[in-house]
N, C-alpha and C. Protein backbone atom coordinates (compact mmCIF):
# COMPACT_ATOMS: atom_id res chain seq x y z
N MET A 1 72.51 -19.66 -36.14
CA MET A 1 71.43 -19.67 -35.19
C MET A 1 71.93 -19.80 -33.77
N GLY A 2 73.20 -19.86 -33.59
CA GLY A 2 73.74 -19.95 -32.25
C GLY A 2 73.88 -21.38 -31.79
N GLU A 3 73.83 -21.55 -30.49
CA GLU A 3 74.04 -22.86 -29.88
C GLU A 3 72.83 -23.76 -30.07
N HIS A 4 73.06 -25.02 -30.44
CA HIS A 4 71.98 -25.97 -30.63
C HIS A 4 71.67 -26.66 -29.31
N PRO A 5 70.40 -26.87 -29.01
CA PRO A 5 70.03 -27.52 -27.74
C PRO A 5 70.42 -28.99 -27.74
N ALA A 6 70.62 -29.52 -26.54
CA ALA A 6 70.88 -30.96 -26.40
C ALA A 6 69.60 -31.70 -26.76
N TRP A 7 69.73 -32.72 -27.59
CA TRP A 7 68.54 -33.43 -28.04
C TRP A 7 67.79 -34.09 -26.90
N ALA A 8 68.48 -34.50 -25.84
CA ALA A 8 67.83 -35.16 -24.71
C ALA A 8 66.77 -34.27 -24.08
N ALA A 9 66.94 -32.96 -24.17
CA ALA A 9 66.00 -32.01 -23.57
C ALA A 9 64.78 -31.74 -24.45
N LEU A 10 64.71 -32.33 -25.63
CA LEU A 10 63.66 -32.01 -26.59
C LEU A 10 62.45 -32.95 -26.56
N ALA A 11 62.49 -34.00 -25.74
CA ALA A 11 61.36 -34.93 -25.67
C ALA A 11 60.09 -34.17 -25.31
N GLY A 12 59.04 -34.36 -26.13
CA GLY A 12 57.75 -33.72 -25.89
C GLY A 12 57.63 -32.32 -26.46
N GLU A 13 58.71 -31.79 -27.01
CA GLU A 13 58.71 -30.42 -27.54
C GLU A 13 58.31 -30.39 -29.01
N TYR A 14 57.78 -29.25 -29.44
CA TYR A 14 57.50 -29.02 -30.86
C TYR A 14 58.78 -28.47 -31.47
N VAL A 15 59.26 -29.08 -32.55
CA VAL A 15 60.57 -28.73 -33.09
C VAL A 15 60.55 -28.57 -34.61
N GLN A 16 61.64 -28.04 -35.09
CA GLN A 16 61.90 -27.91 -36.52
C GLN A 16 63.14 -28.73 -36.81
N VAL A 17 63.05 -29.63 -37.78
CA VAL A 17 64.19 -30.46 -38.19
C VAL A 17 64.79 -29.83 -39.44
N GLN A 18 66.09 -29.59 -39.39
CA GLN A 18 66.79 -28.99 -40.53
C GLN A 18 67.93 -29.88 -40.99
N LYS A 19 68.24 -29.74 -42.27
CA LYS A 19 69.43 -30.39 -42.83
C LYS A 19 70.00 -29.43 -43.86
N GLU A 20 71.28 -29.15 -43.72
CA GLU A 20 71.98 -28.21 -44.60
C GLU A 20 71.26 -26.87 -44.68
N GLY A 21 70.74 -26.41 -43.53
CA GLY A 21 70.10 -25.11 -43.46
C GLY A 21 68.67 -25.04 -43.95
N ARG A 22 68.12 -26.15 -44.39
CA ARG A 22 66.75 -26.17 -44.89
C ARG A 22 65.84 -26.93 -43.93
N THR A 23 64.64 -26.41 -43.73
CA THR A 23 63.68 -27.10 -42.88
C THR A 23 63.13 -28.31 -43.61
N ILE A 24 63.25 -29.47 -42.98
CA ILE A 24 62.78 -30.74 -43.54
C ILE A 24 61.36 -31.03 -43.06
N ARG A 25 61.14 -30.75 -41.77
CA ARG A 25 59.86 -31.11 -41.15
C ARG A 25 59.73 -30.41 -39.81
N THR A 26 58.50 -30.24 -39.36
CA THR A 26 58.24 -29.78 -38.00
C THR A 26 57.33 -30.81 -37.34
N GLY A 27 57.39 -30.88 -36.02
CA GLY A 27 56.52 -31.81 -35.31
C GLY A 27 56.95 -31.98 -33.87
N TYR A 28 56.25 -32.87 -33.18
CA TYR A 28 56.53 -33.14 -31.77
C TYR A 28 57.51 -34.30 -31.64
N VAL A 29 58.47 -34.14 -30.75
CA VAL A 29 59.44 -35.20 -30.48
C VAL A 29 58.77 -36.23 -29.58
N LYS A 30 58.62 -37.43 -30.11
CA LYS A 30 57.99 -38.52 -29.37
C LYS A 30 58.95 -39.14 -28.37
N ASP A 31 60.21 -39.32 -28.80
CA ASP A 31 61.19 -39.97 -27.93
C ASP A 31 62.60 -39.64 -28.40
N VAL A 32 63.54 -39.65 -27.47
CA VAL A 32 64.95 -39.44 -27.77
C VAL A 32 65.69 -40.69 -27.32
N VAL A 33 66.57 -41.24 -28.17
CA VAL A 33 67.31 -42.45 -27.78
C VAL A 33 68.25 -42.12 -26.63
N ALA A 34 68.62 -43.14 -25.87
CA ALA A 34 69.41 -42.96 -24.65
C ALA A 34 70.70 -42.16 -24.87
N ALA A 35 71.37 -42.37 -25.99
CA ALA A 35 72.62 -41.66 -26.26
C ALA A 35 72.39 -40.22 -26.71
N ALA A 36 71.12 -39.84 -26.90
CA ALA A 36 70.72 -38.49 -27.32
C ALA A 36 71.34 -38.08 -28.65
N ASP A 37 71.57 -39.07 -29.53
CA ASP A 37 72.11 -38.76 -30.85
C ASP A 37 71.09 -39.05 -31.95
N ALA A 38 69.88 -39.41 -31.55
CA ALA A 38 68.78 -39.64 -32.49
C ALA A 38 67.47 -39.41 -31.75
N LEU A 39 66.45 -39.02 -32.53
CA LEU A 39 65.13 -38.83 -31.93
C LEU A 39 64.05 -39.20 -32.91
N TRP A 40 62.88 -39.51 -32.34
CA TRP A 40 61.71 -39.85 -33.13
C TRP A 40 60.75 -38.68 -33.15
N LEU A 41 60.29 -38.28 -34.34
CA LEU A 41 59.21 -37.33 -34.46
C LEU A 41 57.93 -38.14 -34.62
N GLU A 42 56.89 -37.77 -33.88
CA GLU A 42 55.66 -38.55 -33.95
C GLU A 42 54.94 -38.34 -35.28
N ALA A 43 54.13 -39.30 -35.65
CA ALA A 43 53.36 -39.23 -36.89
C ALA A 43 52.36 -38.08 -36.79
N CYS A 44 52.12 -37.44 -37.94
CA CYS A 44 51.16 -36.34 -37.99
C CYS A 44 50.60 -36.27 -39.42
N GLY A 45 49.29 -36.46 -39.56
CA GLY A 45 48.69 -36.45 -40.89
C GLY A 45 49.27 -37.54 -41.76
N VAL A 46 49.79 -37.17 -42.92
CA VAL A 46 50.37 -38.16 -43.83
C VAL A 46 51.83 -38.44 -43.53
N GLU A 47 52.43 -37.67 -42.61
CA GLU A 47 53.84 -37.87 -42.25
C GLU A 47 53.95 -39.01 -41.23
N PRO A 48 54.74 -40.04 -41.53
CA PRO A 48 54.88 -41.15 -40.59
C PRO A 48 55.81 -40.80 -39.43
N ARG A 49 55.77 -41.60 -38.39
CA ARG A 49 56.76 -41.49 -37.32
C ARG A 49 58.13 -41.65 -37.96
N THR A 50 59.06 -40.74 -37.65
CA THR A 50 60.34 -40.74 -38.36
C THR A 50 61.50 -40.58 -37.39
N LEU A 51 62.57 -41.32 -37.65
CA LEU A 51 63.79 -41.25 -36.85
C LEU A 51 64.78 -40.31 -37.54
N TYR A 52 65.33 -39.36 -36.79
CA TYR A 52 66.36 -38.44 -37.30
C TYR A 52 67.61 -38.62 -36.46
N GLU A 53 68.77 -38.73 -37.13
CA GLU A 53 70.03 -38.97 -36.44
C GLU A 53 71.01 -37.82 -36.68
N LYS A 54 71.71 -37.41 -35.63
CA LYS A 54 72.73 -36.37 -35.76
C LYS A 54 73.79 -36.76 -36.77
N ALA A 55 74.15 -38.03 -36.79
CA ALA A 55 75.21 -38.51 -37.68
C ALA A 55 74.87 -38.31 -39.16
N HIS A 56 73.60 -38.15 -39.47
CA HIS A 56 73.17 -37.92 -40.85
C HIS A 56 73.03 -36.45 -41.18
N GLY A 57 73.48 -35.59 -40.25
CA GLY A 57 73.52 -34.15 -40.52
C GLY A 57 72.28 -33.37 -40.13
N TYR A 58 71.38 -33.98 -39.37
CA TYR A 58 70.17 -33.26 -38.97
C TYR A 58 70.43 -32.36 -37.77
N VAL A 59 69.79 -31.21 -37.78
CA VAL A 59 69.82 -30.26 -36.67
C VAL A 59 68.37 -30.10 -36.23
N VAL A 60 68.12 -30.13 -34.93
CA VAL A 60 66.76 -30.02 -34.42
C VAL A 60 66.69 -28.82 -33.49
N LEU A 61 65.75 -27.92 -33.77
CA LEU A 61 65.60 -26.69 -33.00
C LEU A 61 64.19 -26.59 -32.44
N PRO A 62 64.05 -26.23 -31.16
CA PRO A 62 62.71 -26.07 -30.60
C PRO A 62 62.01 -24.86 -31.21
N ILE A 63 60.71 -24.95 -31.32
CA ILE A 63 59.90 -23.83 -31.79
C ILE A 63 59.10 -23.34 -30.59
N ARG A 64 59.29 -22.07 -30.25
CA ARG A 64 58.55 -21.48 -29.13
C ARG A 64 57.10 -21.28 -29.52
N PRO A 65 56.17 -21.39 -28.56
CA PRO A 65 54.74 -21.20 -28.87
C PRO A 65 54.47 -19.86 -29.57
N SER A 66 55.21 -18.84 -29.24
CA SER A 66 54.99 -17.54 -29.88
C SER A 66 55.35 -17.55 -31.36
N GLU A 67 56.16 -18.52 -31.79
CA GLU A 67 56.56 -18.63 -33.20
C GLU A 67 55.57 -19.45 -34.02
N LEU A 68 54.62 -20.13 -33.34
CA LEU A 68 53.68 -20.99 -34.03
C LEU A 68 52.58 -20.21 -34.73
N GLY A 69 52.17 -19.09 -34.18
CA GLY A 69 51.07 -18.33 -34.77
C GLY A 69 49.76 -19.08 -34.52
N THR A 70 48.75 -18.77 -35.29
CA THR A 70 47.49 -19.45 -35.15
C THR A 70 47.40 -20.59 -36.14
N VAL A 71 46.87 -21.69 -35.68
CA VAL A 71 46.81 -22.89 -36.52
C VAL A 71 45.47 -22.97 -37.21
């Protein structure tokens, strides 16, 4: 997929969280920790607020509005 964005730039963005090439979850980034090596996805429906860390192998990619389609 090319170059991965810096996590610090993803606060407030709608993203896709992947691990080992599989999509784990999508959602809005609520906050990024100061070191930019972990971020919080906000709660949505039955999915709780969740912390994802780079050290655990997660990759986070922004989703452009044109990729969202109609909800």
